Amino acid sequence: MEISQLPAGLCTPSIGLGCWGMSDAYGPADEKESIATIEAALAIGLRHFDTADVYGDGHNETLLGRALAGHRQDVFLATKFGFVGDEHGQVSVDGRPERVKIACEASLRRLGTEVIDLYYLHRRDKRVAIEDTVGAMADLVSEGKVRFLGLSEVSAQTLRRASDVHPIAALQSEYSLFTRDPESTVLPVCRELGTTLVAFSPLGRGLLTGKVKSRAELAEGDYRREMPRFAEGNLAKNRALVEALEIMAQAKNGTAAQVALAWLISQGADILPIPGMKRRSHLQDNIGALNMELTPDDLTLLSTLSEAVQGQRHNPHNLKFIENS
């Protein structure tokens, strides 16, 4: 395994903070609590903060920029571009070189910073050669506006092609006990190229915490209402799988979330989970995973859970934005 292109200190501790839920997606957001959570994360030493220009239509970047004011030199700031919407509410991906520069300038303004540490293409624009998009992103590095480049939910082939243009420091993909696709697709290539795998939704969008027991608990507008794994019949079966985590966690005086994150962290030092955390209670729970010890038998048992998961991780509309091969 090659050494990751991201300096080790920027991925320490081995958990980052995903900020999407602080603006929308998972029910009502509480801005005051969100800022308190970011401040608490800083206080305990979290350095990696992840956002995107599409989260809350720019609100998330603005919120994060305000919360991190005065702490910029202490954090590793990652954001993404690519998704765009029209006046009819239709979402598409725009990876044209001219769009890259416009999006970056807007993110810099909202974040209140002169440089973005890690700049991702949120999804690939299939109408544009990846070499052209990454070439424009590389120009941002040359201009000092971006430090590292990343891609999200692309195929191994696209990762290789992009890396021929400029080193890709991080690939962001959904990876958890319930979503293990990267192991047979992009992870081997990430390791060959020295690309850190940044795992989003490492808790299965809350499913692996054991706290979502029925669809009725999801607020109106919650993004998970559109996801097959949270459909009524599937949720009950998936919830039964989570009971194995809860039993193990109880024996270790921990939580299901801590067990799930500890499993992911154990998969390699080149994997960085970024669980979504919009409350201080979530932060304290997730950080506890760093002290959770799993035995080889524990890891073997946990690894079997993905075989019985019911439902795809996205609805058909959102799956079309993801490269799988």
C-alpha atoms as a PDB file:
ATOM      1  CA  MET A   1       0.000   0.000   0.000  1.00  0.00           C
ATOM      2  CA  GLU A   2       1.377   3.416  -0.924  1.00  0.00           C
ATOM      3  CA  ILE A   3       1.400   6.281   1.536  1.00  0.00           C
ATOM      4  CA  SER A   4      -1.718   8.418   1.283  1.00  0.00           C
ATOM      5  CA  GLN A   5      -1.327  11.733  -0.524  1.00  0.00           C
ATOM      6  CA  LEU A   6      -3.081  13.483   2.354  1.00  0.00           C
ATOM      7  CA  PRO A   7      -0.626  14.257   5.168  1.00  0.00           C
ATOM      8  CA  ALA A   8      -1.344  11.892   8.065  1.00  0.00           C
ATOM      9  CA  GLY A   9      -1.967  14.749  10.481  1.00  0.00           C
ATOM     10  CA  LEU A  10      -4.859  15.977   8.383  1.00  0.00           C
ATOM     11  CA  CYS A  11      -6.687  12.664   8.866  1.00  0.00           C
ATOM     12  CA  THR A  12      -6.098  12.498  12.626  1.00  0.00           C
ATOM     13  CA  PRO A  13      -8.202  11.642  14.542  1.00  0.00           C
ATOM     14  CA  SER A  14      -9.612   9.002  12.211  1.00  0.00           C
ATOM     15  CA  ILE A  15     -13.054  10.612  12.036  1.00  0.00           C
ATOM     16  CA  GLY A  16     -14.183  13.737  10.226  1.00  0.00           C
ATOM     17  CA  LEU A  17     -17.401  15.709  10.527  1.00  0.00           C
ATOM     18  CA  GLY A  18     -19.995  15.608   7.760  1.00  0.00           C
ATOM     19  CA  CYS A  19     -22.022  18.825   7.861  1.00  0.00           C
ATOM     20  CA  TRP A  20     -24.900  18.262   5.415  1.00  0.00           C
ATOM     21  CA  GLY A  21     -27.506  17.579   8.088  1.00  0.00           C
ATOM     22  CA  MET A  22     -26.819  20.993   9.623  1.00  0.00           C
ATOM     23  CA  SER A  23     -28.662  22.588   6.696  1.00  0.00           C
ATOM     24  CA  ASP A  24     -31.214  20.081   5.391  1.00  0.00           C
ATOM     25  CA  ALA A  25     -31.664  16.435   4.371  1.00  0.00           C
ATOM     26  CA  TYR A  26     -32.436  14.743   7.699  1.00  0.00           C
ATOM     27  CA  GLY A  27     -35.315  16.682   9.165  1.00  0.00           C
ATOM     28  CA  PRO A  28     -35.313  20.173  10.696  1.00  0.00           C
ATOM     29  CA  ALA A  29     -31.927  21.747  11.402  1.00  0.00           C
ATOM     30  CA  ASP A  30     -31.057  23.823  14.470  1.00  0.00           C
ATOM     31  CA  GLU A  31     -28.422  26.406  13.536  1.00  0.00           C
ATOM     32  CA  LYS A  32     -27.535  27.241  17.128  1.00  0.00           C
ATOM     33  CA  GLU A  33     -26.971  23.564  17.969  1.00  0.00           C
ATOM     34  CA  SER A  34     -25.063  23.066  14.726  1.00  0.00           C
ATOM     35  CA  ILE A  35     -22.591  25.820  15.586  1.00  0.00           C
ATOM     36  CA  ALA A  36     -22.269  24.455  19.118  1.00  0.00           C
ATOM     37  CA  THR A  37     -21.474  21.046  17.640  1.00  0.00           C
ATOM     38  CA  ILE A  38     -18.764  22.484  15.388  1.00  0.00           C
ATOM     39  CA  GLU A  39     -17.263  24.322  18.347  1.00  0.00           C
ATOM     40  CA  ALA A  40     -17.342  21.137  20.425  1.00  0.00           C
ATOM     41  CA  ALA A  41     -15.660  19.234  17.585  1.00  0.00           C
ATOM     42  CA  LEU A  42     -12.871  21.802  17.498  1.00  0.00           C
ATOM     43  CA  ALA A  43     -12.467  21.563  21.268  1.00  0.00           C
ATOM     44  CA  ILE A  44     -11.888  17.802  21.181  1.00  0.00           C
ATOM     45  CA  GLY A  45      -9.483  17.981  18.252  1.00  0.00           C
ATOM     46  CA  LEU A  46     -11.496  17.126  15.142  1.00  0.00           C
ATOM     47  CA  ARG A  47      -9.852  18.722  12.132  1.00  0.00           C
ATOM     48  CA  HIS A  48     -11.602  17.398   9.015  1.00  0.00           C
ATOM     49  CA  PHE A  49     -14.855  19.213   8.135  1.00  0.00           C
ATOM     50  CA  ASP A  50     -16.822  18.236   5.016  1.00  0.00           C
ATOM     51  CA  THR A  51     -19.456  20.298   3.203  1.00  0.00           C
ATOM     52  CA  ALA A  52     -20.657  21.048  -0.368  1.00  0.00           C
ATOM     53  CA  ASP A  53     -22.054  23.994  -2.269  1.00  0.00           C
ATOM     54  CA  VAL A  54     -25.348  22.144  -2.833  1.00  0.00           C
ATOM     55  CA  TYR A  55     -26.010  21.535   0.876  1.00  0.00           C
ATOM     56  CA  GLY A  56     -28.787  23.933   1.766  1.00  0.00           C
ATOM     57  CA  ASP A  57     -28.104  25.740  -1.522  1.00  0.00           C
ATOM     58  CA  GLY A  58     -24.979  27.360  -0.083  1.00  0.00           C
ATOM     59  CA  HIS A  59     -26.247  27.675   3.497  1.00  0.00           C
ATOM     60  CA  ASN A  60     -23.990  24.898   4.776  1.00  0.00           C
ATOM     61  CA  GLU A  61     -20.800  26.504   3.501  1.00  0.00           C
ATOM     62  CA  THR A  62     -21.835  29.854   4.954  1.00  0.00           C
ATOM     63  CA  LEU A  63     -22.664  28.257   8.305  1.00  0.00           C
ATOM     64  CA  LEU A  64     -19.386  26.374   8.434  1.00  0.00           C
ATOM     65  CA  GLY A  65     -17.381  29.424   7.421  1.00  0.00           C
ATOM     66  CA  ARG A  66     -18.962  31.451  10.193  1.00  0.00           C
ATOM     67  CA  ALA A  67     -18.457  28.732  12.804  1.00  0.00           C
ATOM     68  CA  LEU A  68     -14.810  28.236  11.864  1.00  0.00           C
ATOM     69  CA  ALA A  69     -13.928  31.928  11.804  1.00  0.00           C
ATOM     70  CA  GLY A  70     -10.777  32.384  13.850  1.00  0.00           C
ATOM     71  CA  HIS A  71      -9.925  28.672  13.599  1.00  0.00           C
ATOM     72  CA  ARG A  72      -9.109  28.379   9.897  1.00  0.00           C
ATOM     73  CA  GLN A  73      -5.475  27.404  10.436  1.00  0.00           C
ATOM     74  CA  ASP A  74      -6.530  24.600  12.781  1.00  0.00           C
ATOM     75  CA  VAL A  75      -8.838  22.724  10.402  1.00  0.00           C
ATOM     76  CA  PHE A  76      -8.851  20.788   7.152  1.00  0.00           C
ATOM     77  CA  LEU A  77     -11.720  22.145   5.074  1.00  0.00           C
ATOM     78  CA  ALA A  78     -13.300  20.055   2.306  1.00  0.00           C
ATOM     79  CA  THR A  79     -16.111  21.076  -0.016  1.00  0.00           C
ATOM     80  CA  LYS A  80     -17.640  19.848  -3.270  1.00  0.00           C
ATOM     81  CA  PHE A  81     -19.118  21.236  -6.480  1.00  0.00           C
ATOM     82  CA  GLY A  82     -20.978  19.831  -9.456  1.00  0.00           C
ATOM     83  CA  PHE A  83     -24.689  19.616  -8.681  1.00  0.00           C
ATOM     84  CA  VAL A  84     -26.826  22.401 -10.155  1.00  0.00           C
ATOM     85  CA  GLY A  85     -30.557  22.997 -10.202  1.00  0.00           C
ATOM     86  CA  ASP A  86     -32.848  24.818 -12.612  1.00  0.00           C
ATOM     87  CA  GLU A  87     -35.977  26.917 -12.132  1.00  0.00           C
ATOM     88  CA  HIS A  88     -38.089  23.761 -12.316  1.00  0.00           C
ATOM     89  CA  GLY A  89     -36.291  22.054  -9.445  1.00  0.00           C
ATOM     90  CA  GLN A  90     -34.522  19.583 -11.727  1.00  0.00           C
ATOM     91  CA  VAL A  91     -31.018  18.623 -10.606  1.00  0.00           C
ATOM     92  CA  SER A  92     -28.121  17.850 -12.935  1.00  0.00           C
ATOM     93  CA  VAL A  93     -24.325  17.805 -12.830  1.00  0.00           C
ATOM     94  CA  ASP A  94     -22.161  20.472 -14.467  1.00  0.00           C
ATOM     95  CA  GLY A  95     -18.476  19.629 -14.729  1.00  0.00           C
ATOM     96  CA  ARG A  96     -17.528  22.018 -17.517  1.00  0.00           C
ATOM     97  CA  PRO A  97     -14.154  23.724 -16.972  1.00  0.00           C
ATOM     98  CA  GLU A  98     -15.751  27.180 -16.899  1.00  0.00           C
ATOM     99  CA  ARG A  99     -18.203  26.027 -14.241  1.00  0.00           C
ATOM    100  CA  VAL A 100     -15.348  24.689 -12.060  1.00  0.00           C
ATOM    101  CA  LYS A 101     -13.840  28.134 -11.621  1.00  0.00           C
ATOM    102  CA  ILE A 102     -17.170  29.880 -10.996  1.00  0.00           C
ATOM    103  CA  ALA A 103     -18.197  27.303  -8.380  1.00  0.00           C
ATOM    104  CA  CYS A 104     -14.855  27.539  -6.567  1.00  0.00           C
ATOM    105  CA  GLU A 105     -14.998  31.321  -6.301  1.00  0.00           C
ATOM    106  CA  ALA A 106     -18.517  31.122  -4.862  1.00  0.00           C
ATOM    107  CA  SER A 107     -17.468  28.504  -2.295  1.00  0.00           C
ATOM    108  CA  LEU A 108     -14.450  30.553  -1.228  1.00  0.00           C
ATOM    109  CA  ARG A 109     -16.725  33.530  -0.572  1.00  0.00           C
ATOM    110  CA  ARG A 110     -19.264  31.544   1.428  1.00  0.00           C
ATOM    111  CA  LEU A 111     -16.591  29.749   3.448  1.00  0.00           C
ATOM    112  CA  GLY A 112     -14.791  33.017   4.150  1.00  0.00           C
ATOM    113  CA  THR A 113     -11.403  31.596   3.212  1.00  0.00           C
ATOM    114  CA  GLU A 114      -8.691  32.159   0.634  1.00  0.00           C
ATOM    115  CA  VAL A 115      -7.999  28.479   0.051  1.00  0.00           C
ATOM    116  CA  ILE A 116      -9.974  25.220   0.134  1.00  0.00           C
ATOM    117  CA  ASP A 117      -7.952  22.309   1.503  1.00  0.00           C
ATOM    118  CA  LEU A 118      -9.763  19.566  -0.450  1.00  0.00           C
ATOM    119  CA  TYR A 119     -11.956  20.328  -3.455  1.00  0.00           C
ATOM    120  CA  TYR A 120     -14.143  17.521  -4.799  1.00  0.00           C
ATOM    121  CA  LEU A 121     -16.112  16.985  -7.961  1.00  0.00           C
ATOM    122  CA  HIS A 122     -19.369  15.904  -6.286  1.00  0.00           C
ATOM    123  CA  ARG A 123     -20.450  13.677  -9.184  1.00  0.00           C
ATOM    124  CA  ARG A 124     -19.019  13.180 -12.635  1.00  0.00           C
ATOM    125  CA  ASP A 125     -20.597  15.051 -15.531  1.00  0.00           C
ATOM    126  CA  LYS A 126     -20.822  12.303 -18.145  1.00  0.00           C
ATOM    127  CA  ARG A 127     -21.059  14.895 -20.921  1.00  0.00           C
ATOM    128  CA  VAL A 128     -17.567  16.193 -20.131  1.00  0.00           C
ATOM    129  CA  ALA A 129     -14.301  14.262 -20.304  1.00  0.00           C
ATOM    130  CA  ILE A 130     -13.036  13.783 -16.761  1.00  0.00           C
ATOM    131  CA  GLU A 131      -9.635  14.995 -17.982  1.00  0.00           C
ATOM    132  CA  ASP A 132     -11.158  18.385 -18.817  1.00  0.00           C
ATOM    133  CA  THR A 133     -12.900  18.788 -15.475  1.00  0.00           C
ATOM    134  CA  VAL A 134      -9.869  17.719 -13.451  1.00  0.00           C
ATOM    135  CA  GLY A 135      -7.628  19.876 -15.619  1.00  0.00           C
ATOM    136  CA  ALA A 136      -9.657  22.930 -14.600  1.00  0.00           C
ATOM    137  CA  MET A 137      -9.530  21.816 -10.977  1.00  0.00           C
ATOM    138  CA  ALA A 138      -5.747  21.466 -11.271  1.00  0.00           C
ATOM    139  CA  ASP A 139      -5.588  25.082 -12.426  1.00  0.00           C
ATOM    140  CA  LEU A 140      -7.121  26.058  -9.082  1.00  0.00           C
ATOM    141  CA  VAL A 141      -4.251  24.286  -7.323  1.00  0.00           C
ATOM    142  CA  SER A 142      -1.733  26.208  -9.438  1.00  0.00           C
ATOM    143  CA  GLU A 143      -3.517  29.444  -8.540  1.00  0.00           C
ATOM    144  CA  GLY A 144      -3.315  28.662  -4.823  1.00  0.00           C
ATOM    145  CA  LYS A 145      -7.081  28.503  -4.345  1.00  0.00           C
ATOM    146  CA  VAL A 146      -7.160  24.750  -3.658  1.00  0.00           C
ATOM    147  CA  ARG A 147      -4.609  22.466  -1.981  1.00  0.00           C
ATOM    148  CA  PHE A 148      -5.799  18.934  -2.833  1.00  0.00           C
ATOM    149  CA  LEU A 149      -8.230  17.469  -5.359  1.00  0.00           C
ATOM    150  CA  GLY A 150     -10.913  14.838  -4.807  1.00  0.00           C
ATOM    151  CA  LEU A 151     -13.653  12.964  -6.636  1.00  0.00           C
ATOM    152  CA  SER A 152     -16.885  11.475  -5.337  1.00  0.00           C
ATOM    153  CA  GLU A 153     -18.768   8.319  -6.359  1.00  0.00           C
ATOM    154  CA  VAL A 154     -16.770   7.670  -9.526  1.00  0.00           C
ATOM    155  CA  SER A 155     -15.587   4.389 -10.998  1.00  0.00           C
ATOM    156  CA  ALA A 156     -12.094   2.962 -10.745  1.00  0.00           C
ATOM    157  CA  GLN A 157     -11.538   3.732 -14.425  1.00  0.00           C
ATOM    158  CA  THR A 158     -12.490   7.385 -13.943  1.00  0.00           C
ATOM    159  CA  LEU A 159     -10.209   7.607 -10.929  1.00  0.00           C
ATOM    160  CA  ARG A 160      -7.292   6.313 -12.991  1.00  0.00           C
ATOM    161  CA  ARG A 161      -7.979   8.720 -15.841  1.00  0.00           C
ATOM    162  CA  ALA A 162      -8.266  11.654 -13.457  1.00  0.00           C
ATOM    163  CA  SER A 163      -5.048  10.693 -11.690  1.00  0.00           C
ATOM    164  CA  ASP A 164      -3.192  10.862 -14.993  1.00  0.00           C
ATOM    165  CA  VAL A 165      -4.032  14.573 -15.094  1.00  0.00           C
ATOM    166  CA  HIS A 166      -3.419  15.447 -11.437  1.00  0.00           C
ATOM    167  CA  PRO A 167      -2.988  13.438  -8.208  1.00  0.00           C
ATOM    168  CA  ILE A 168      -6.362  12.660  -6.640  1.00  0.00           C
ATOM    169  CA  ALA A 169      -5.800  12.880  -2.909  1.00  0.00           C
ATOM    170  CA  ALA A 170      -9.231  11.604  -1.837  1.00  0.00           C
ATOM    171  CA  LEU A 171     -12.135   9.642  -3.236  1.00  0.00           C
ATOM    172  CA  GLN A 172     -15.422  10.039  -1.404  1.00  0.00           C
ATOM    173  CA  SER A 173     -17.794   7.088  -1.578  1.00  0.00           C
ATOM    174  CA  GLU A 174     -20.543   5.652   0.577  1.00  0.00           C
ATOM    175  CA  TYR A 175     -18.968   2.909   2.674  1.00  0.00           C
ATOM    176  CA  SER A 176     -20.328   1.204   5.769  1.00  0.00           C
ATOM    177  CA  LEU A 177     -21.212  -2.193   7.183  1.00  0.00           C
ATOM    178  CA  PHE A 178     -24.333  -2.049   5.019  1.00  0.00           C
ATOM    179  CA  THR A 179     -22.692  -0.618   1.866  1.00  0.00           C
ATOM    180  CA  ARG A 180     -19.443  -2.370   0.987  1.00  0.00           C
ATOM    181  CA  ASP A 181     -19.293  -1.814  -2.769  1.00  0.00           C
ATOM    182  CA  PRO A 182     -15.977   0.117  -2.626  1.00  0.00           C
ATOM    183  CA  GLU A 183     -14.124  -2.993  -1.463  1.00  0.00           C
ATOM    184  CA  SER A 184     -14.480  -4.637  -4.864  1.00  0.00           C
ATOM    185  CA  THR A 185     -14.494  -1.522  -7.040  1.00  0.00           C
ATOM    186  CA  VAL A 186     -12.529   1.603  -6.129  1.00  0.00           C
ATOM    187  CA  LEU A 187     -10.698   0.740  -2.904  1.00  0.00           C
ATOM    188  CA  PRO A 188      -7.986  -1.409  -4.551  1.00  0.00           C
ATOM    189  CA  VAL A 189      -7.237   1.388  -7.023  1.00  0.00           C
ATOM    190  CA  CYS A 190      -7.261   3.984  -4.243  1.00  0.00           C
ATOM    191  CA  ARG A 191      -4.585   1.952  -2.484  1.00  0.00           C
ATOM    192  CA  GLU A 192      -2.552   1.581  -5.637  1.00  0.00           C
ATOM    193  CA  LEU A 193      -2.631   5.341  -6.245  1.00  0.00           C
ATOM    194  CA  GLY A 194      -2.269   6.453  -2.631  1.00  0.00           C
ATOM    195  CA  THR A 195      -5.749   7.989  -2.609  1.00  0.00           C
ATOM    196  CA  THR A 196      -7.522   8.240   0.748  1.00  0.00           C
ATOM    197  CA  LEU A 197     -11.035   6.768   0.757  1.00  0.00           C
ATOM    198  CA  VAL A 198     -13.309   9.202   2.564  1.00  0.00           C
ATOM    199  CA  ALA A 199     -16.361   7.213   3.644  1.00  0.00           C
ATOM    200  CA  PHE A 200     -19.604   9.160   3.774  1.00  0.00           C
ATOM    201  CA  SER A 201     -22.737   7.773   5.423  1.00  0.00           C
ATOM    202  CA  PRO A 202     -20.588   5.364   7.479  1.00  0.00           C
ATOM    203  CA  LEU A 203     -23.597   4.858   9.759  1.00  0.00           C
ATOM    204  CA  GLY A 204     -25.997   4.030   6.934  1.00  0.00           C
ATOM    205  CA  ARG A 205     -27.701   7.431   7.250  1.00  0.00           C
ATOM    206  CA  GLY A 206     -28.523   6.658  10.863  1.00  0.00           C
ATOM    207  CA  LEU A 207     -29.713   3.101  10.246  1.00  0.00           C
ATOM    208  CA  LEU A 208     -26.646   1.563  11.911  1.00  0.00           C
ATOM    209  CA  THR A 209     -27.139   3.589  15.084  1.00  0.00           C
ATOM    210  CA  GLY A 210     -30.267   1.615  15.950  1.00  0.00           C
ATOM    211  CA  LYS A 211     -32.135   4.841  16.648  1.00  0.00           C
ATOM    212  CA  VAL A 212     -34.422   4.694  13.603  1.00  0.00           C
ATOM    213  CA  LYS A 213     -36.967   2.062  14.511  1.00  0.00           C
ATOM    214  CA  SER A 214     -39.835   2.951  12.173  1.00  0.00           C
ATOM    215  CA  ARG A 215     -40.515   5.071   9.127  1.00  0.00           C
ATOM    216  CA  ALA A 216     -42.996   7.121  11.160  1.00  0.00           C
ATOM    217  CA  GLU A 217     -40.072   8.568  13.119  1.00  0.00           C
ATOM    218  CA  LEU A 218     -38.717  10.292  10.005  1.00  0.00           C
ATOM    219  CA  ALA A 219     -39.901  13.890   9.715  1.00  0.00           C
ATOM    220  CA  GLU A 220     -41.651  15.187   6.616  1.00  0.00           C
ATOM    221  CA  GLY A 221     -39.002  16.246   4.132  1.00  0.00           C
ATOM    222  CA  ASP A 222     -36.409  13.848   5.569  1.00  0.00           C
ATOM    223  CA  TYR A 223     -34.287  12.632   2.651  1.00  0.00           C
ATOM    224  CA  ARG A 224     -34.433   9.065   3.964  1.00  0.00           C
ATOM    225  CA  ARG A 225     -38.140   8.808   3.172  1.00  0.00           C
ATOM    226  CA  GLU A 226     -37.108   8.414  -0.477  1.00  0.00           C
ATOM    227  CA  MET A 227     -34.554   5.679   0.192  1.00  0.00           C
ATOM    228  CA  PRO A 228     -35.415   1.987  -0.342  1.00  0.00           C
ATOM    229  CA  ARG A 229     -33.652   0.813   2.827  1.00  0.00           C
ATOM    230  CA  PHE A 230     -36.047   2.942   4.865  1.00  0.00           C
ATOM    231  CA  ALA A 231     -39.165   1.675   3.132  1.00  0.00           C
ATOM    232  CA  GLU A 232     -41.472   0.112   5.703  1.00  0.00           C
ATOM    233  CA  GLY A 233     -40.850  -3.569   4.920  1.00  0.00           C
ATOM    234  CA  ASN A 234     -37.122  -3.177   4.331  1.00  0.00           C
ATOM    235  CA  LEU A 235     -36.593  -1.053   7.411  1.00  0.00           C
ATOM    236  CA  ALA A 236     -37.989  -3.729   9.724  1.00  0.00           C
ATOM    237  CA  LYS A 237     -35.646  -6.370   8.281  1.00  0.00           C
ATOM    238  CA  ASN A 238     -32.630  -4.055   8.343  1.00  0.00           C
ATOM    239  CA  ARG A 239     -33.457  -3.025  11.879  1.00  0.00           C
ATOM    240  CA  ALA A 240     -33.253  -6.693  12.874  1.00  0.00           C
ATOM    241  CA  LEU A 241     -29.695  -6.834  11.520  1.00  0.00           C
ATOM    242  CA  VAL A 242     -28.708  -3.859  13.654  1.00  0.00           C
ATOM    243  CA  GLU A 243     -29.608  -5.843  16.755  1.00  0.00           C
ATOM    244  CA  ALA A 244     -26.303  -7.729  16.322  1.00  0.00           C
ATOM    245  CA  LEU A 245     -24.462  -4.414  16.684  1.00  0.00           C
ATOM    246  CA  GLU A 246     -26.505  -3.494  19.733  1.00  0.00           C
ATOM    247  CA  ILE A 247     -25.776  -6.815  21.454  1.00  0.00           C
ATOM    248  CA  MET A 248     -22.061  -6.444  20.771  1.00  0.00           C
ATOM    249  CA  ALA A 249     -22.090  -2.818  21.878  1.00  0.00           C
ATOM    250  CA  GLN A 250     -23.850  -3.647  25.124  1.00  0.00           C
ATOM    251  CA  ALA A 251     -21.187  -6.218  25.946  1.00  0.00           C
ATOM    252  CA  LYS A 252     -18.510  -3.569  25.370  1.00  0.00           C
ATOM    253  CA  ASN A 253     -20.321  -0.772  27.217  1.00  0.00           C
ATOM    254  CA  GLY A 254     -20.651   1.139  23.975  1.00  0.00           C
ATOM    255  CA  THR A 255     -23.220   1.955  21.317  1.00  0.00           C
ATOM    256  CA  ALA A 256     -24.181   0.473  17.962  1.00  0.00           C
ATOM    257  CA  ALA A 257     -22.796   3.579  16.224  1.00  0.00           C
ATOM    258  CA  GLN A 258     -19.441   3.097  17.902  1.00  0.00           C
ATOM    259  CA  VAL A 259     -19.256  -0.540  16.833  1.00  0.00           C
ATOM    260  CA  ALA A 260     -20.147   0.334  13.220  1.00  0.00           C
ATOM    261  CA  LEU A 261     -17.545   3.107  13.050  1.00  0.00           C
ATOM    262  CA  ALA A 262     -14.889   1.004  14.767  1.00  0.00           C
ATOM    263  CA  TRP A 263     -15.424  -1.721  12.145  1.00  0.00           C
ATOM    264  CA  LEU A 264     -14.896   0.804   9.358  1.00  0.00           C
ATOM    265  CA  ILE A 265     -11.819   2.355  10.961  1.00  0.00           C
ATOM    266  CA  SER A 266     -10.352  -1.142  11.292  1.00  0.00           C
ATOM    267  CA  GLN A 267     -10.491  -1.616   7.513  1.00  0.00           C
ATOM    268  CA  GLY A 268      -7.383   0.525   7.040  1.00  0.00           C
ATOM    269  CA  ALA A 269      -5.575   3.708   8.035  1.00  0.00           C
ATOM    270  CA  ASP A 270      -6.289   5.062   4.552  1.00  0.00           C
ATOM    271  CA  ILE A 271     -10.045   5.143   5.224  1.00  0.00           C
ATOM    272  CA  LEU A 272     -11.559   8.232   6.842  1.00  0.00           C
ATOM    273  CA  PRO A 273     -15.217   8.067   7.945  1.00  0.00           C
ATOM    274  CA  ILE A 274     -17.116  11.365   7.985  1.00  0.00           C
ATOM    275  CA  PRO A 275     -20.366  10.639   9.841  1.00  0.00           C
ATOM    276  CA  GLY A 276     -22.977  13.349   9.730  1.00  0.00           C
ATOM    277  CA  MET A 277     -23.204  15.093  13.081  1.00  0.00           C
ATOM    278  CA  LYS A 278     -25.579  17.967  13.725  1.00  0.00           C
ATOM    279  CA  ARG A 279     -25.885  17.556  17.485  1.00  0.00           C
ATOM    280  CA  ARG A 280     -23.292  17.457  20.253  1.00  0.00           C
ATOM    281  CA  SER A 281     -24.720  14.158  21.486  1.00  0.00           C
ATOM    282  CA  HIS A 282     -23.955  12.576  18.096  1.00  0.00           C
ATOM    283  CA  LEU A 283     -20.434  13.953  18.246  1.00  0.00           C
ATOM    284  CA  GLN A 284     -19.696  12.476  21.652  1.00  0.00           C
ATOM    285  CA  ASP A 285     -21.160   9.132  20.622  1.00  0.00           C
ATOM    286  CA  ASN A 286     -19.158   8.887  17.392  1.00  0.00           C
ATOM    287  CA  ILE A 287     -15.857   9.961  18.909  1.00  0.00           C
ATOM    288  CA  GLY A 288     -16.210   7.060  21.338  1.00  0.00           C
ATOM    289  CA  ALA A 289     -15.579   4.725  18.385  1.00  0.00           C
ATOM    290  CA  LEU A 290     -11.891   5.627  18.561  1.00  0.00           C
ATOM    291  CA  ASN A 291     -11.686   3.752  21.867  1.00  0.00           C
ATOM    292  CA  MET A 292     -13.817   0.779  20.813  1.00  0.00           C
ATOM    293  CA  GLU A 293     -11.791  -2.428  20.524  1.00  0.00           C
ATOM    294  CA  LEU A 294     -13.053  -5.166  18.229  1.00  0.00           C
ATOM    295  CA  THR A 295     -11.626  -8.676  18.197  1.00  0.00           C
ATOM    296  CA  PRO A 296     -11.021 -10.679  15.003  1.00  0.00           C
ATOM    297  CA  ASP A 297     -14.162 -12.668  15.821  1.00  0.00           C
ATOM    298  CA  ASP A 298     -16.129  -9.438  16.197  1.00  0.00           C
ATOM    299  CA  LEU A 299     -14.935  -8.226  12.807  1.00  0.00           C
ATOM    300  CA  THR A 300     -15.841 -11.521  11.150  1.00  0.00           C
ATOM    301  CA  LEU A 301     -19.338 -11.502  12.614  1.00  0.00           C
ATOM    302  CA  LEU A 302     -19.955  -7.896  11.640  1.00  0.00           C
ATOM    303  CA  SER A 303     -18.734  -8.438   8.103  1.00  0.00           C
ATOM    304  CA  THR A 304     -21.556 -10.879   7.423  1.00  0.00           C
ATOM    305  CA  LEU A 305     -24.287  -8.301   8.023  1.00  0.00           C
ATOM    306  CA  SER A 306     -24.090  -6.673   4.602  1.00  0.00           C
ATOM    307  CA  GLU A 307     -25.135  -9.944   2.960  1.00  0.00           C
ATOM    308  CA  ALA A 308     -28.682  -9.620   4.267  1.00  0.00           C
ATOM    309  CA  VAL A 309     -29.350  -5.886   3.828  1.00  0.00           C
ATOM    310  CA  GLN A 310     -32.689  -5.155   2.163  1.00  0.00           C
ATOM    311  CA  GLY A 311     -33.105  -2.389  -0.426  1.00  0.00           C
ATOM    312  CA  GLN A 312     -30.704  -0.366  -2.529  1.00  0.00           C
ATOM    313  CA  ARG A 313     -28.893   2.548  -0.941  1.00  0.00           C
ATOM    314  CA  HIS A 314     -30.512   5.120  -3.253  1.00  0.00           C
ATOM    315  CA  ASN A 315     -33.687   5.500  -5.230  1.00  0.00           C
ATOM    316  CA  PRO A 316     -33.432   5.080  -9.037  1.00  0.00           C
ATOM    317  CA  HIS A 317     -33.199   8.841  -9.646  1.00  0.00           C
ATOM    318  CA  ASN A 318     -30.133   9.292  -7.438  1.00  0.00           C
ATOM    319  CA  LEU A 319     -28.476   6.066  -8.549  1.00  0.00           C
ATOM    320  CA  LYS A 320     -28.127   7.489 -12.060  1.00  0.00           C
ATOM    321  CA  PHE A 321     -25.529   9.974 -10.791  1.00  0.00           C
ATOM    322  CA  ILE A 322     -23.253   7.219  -9.465  1.00  0.00           C
ATOM    323  CA  GLU A 323     -20.579   5.363 -11.439  1.00  0.00           C
ATOM    324  CA  ASN A 324     -20.391   1.752 -10.290  1.00  0.00           C
ATOM    325  CA  SER A 325     -17.866  -0.019 -12.477  1.00  0.00           C
END
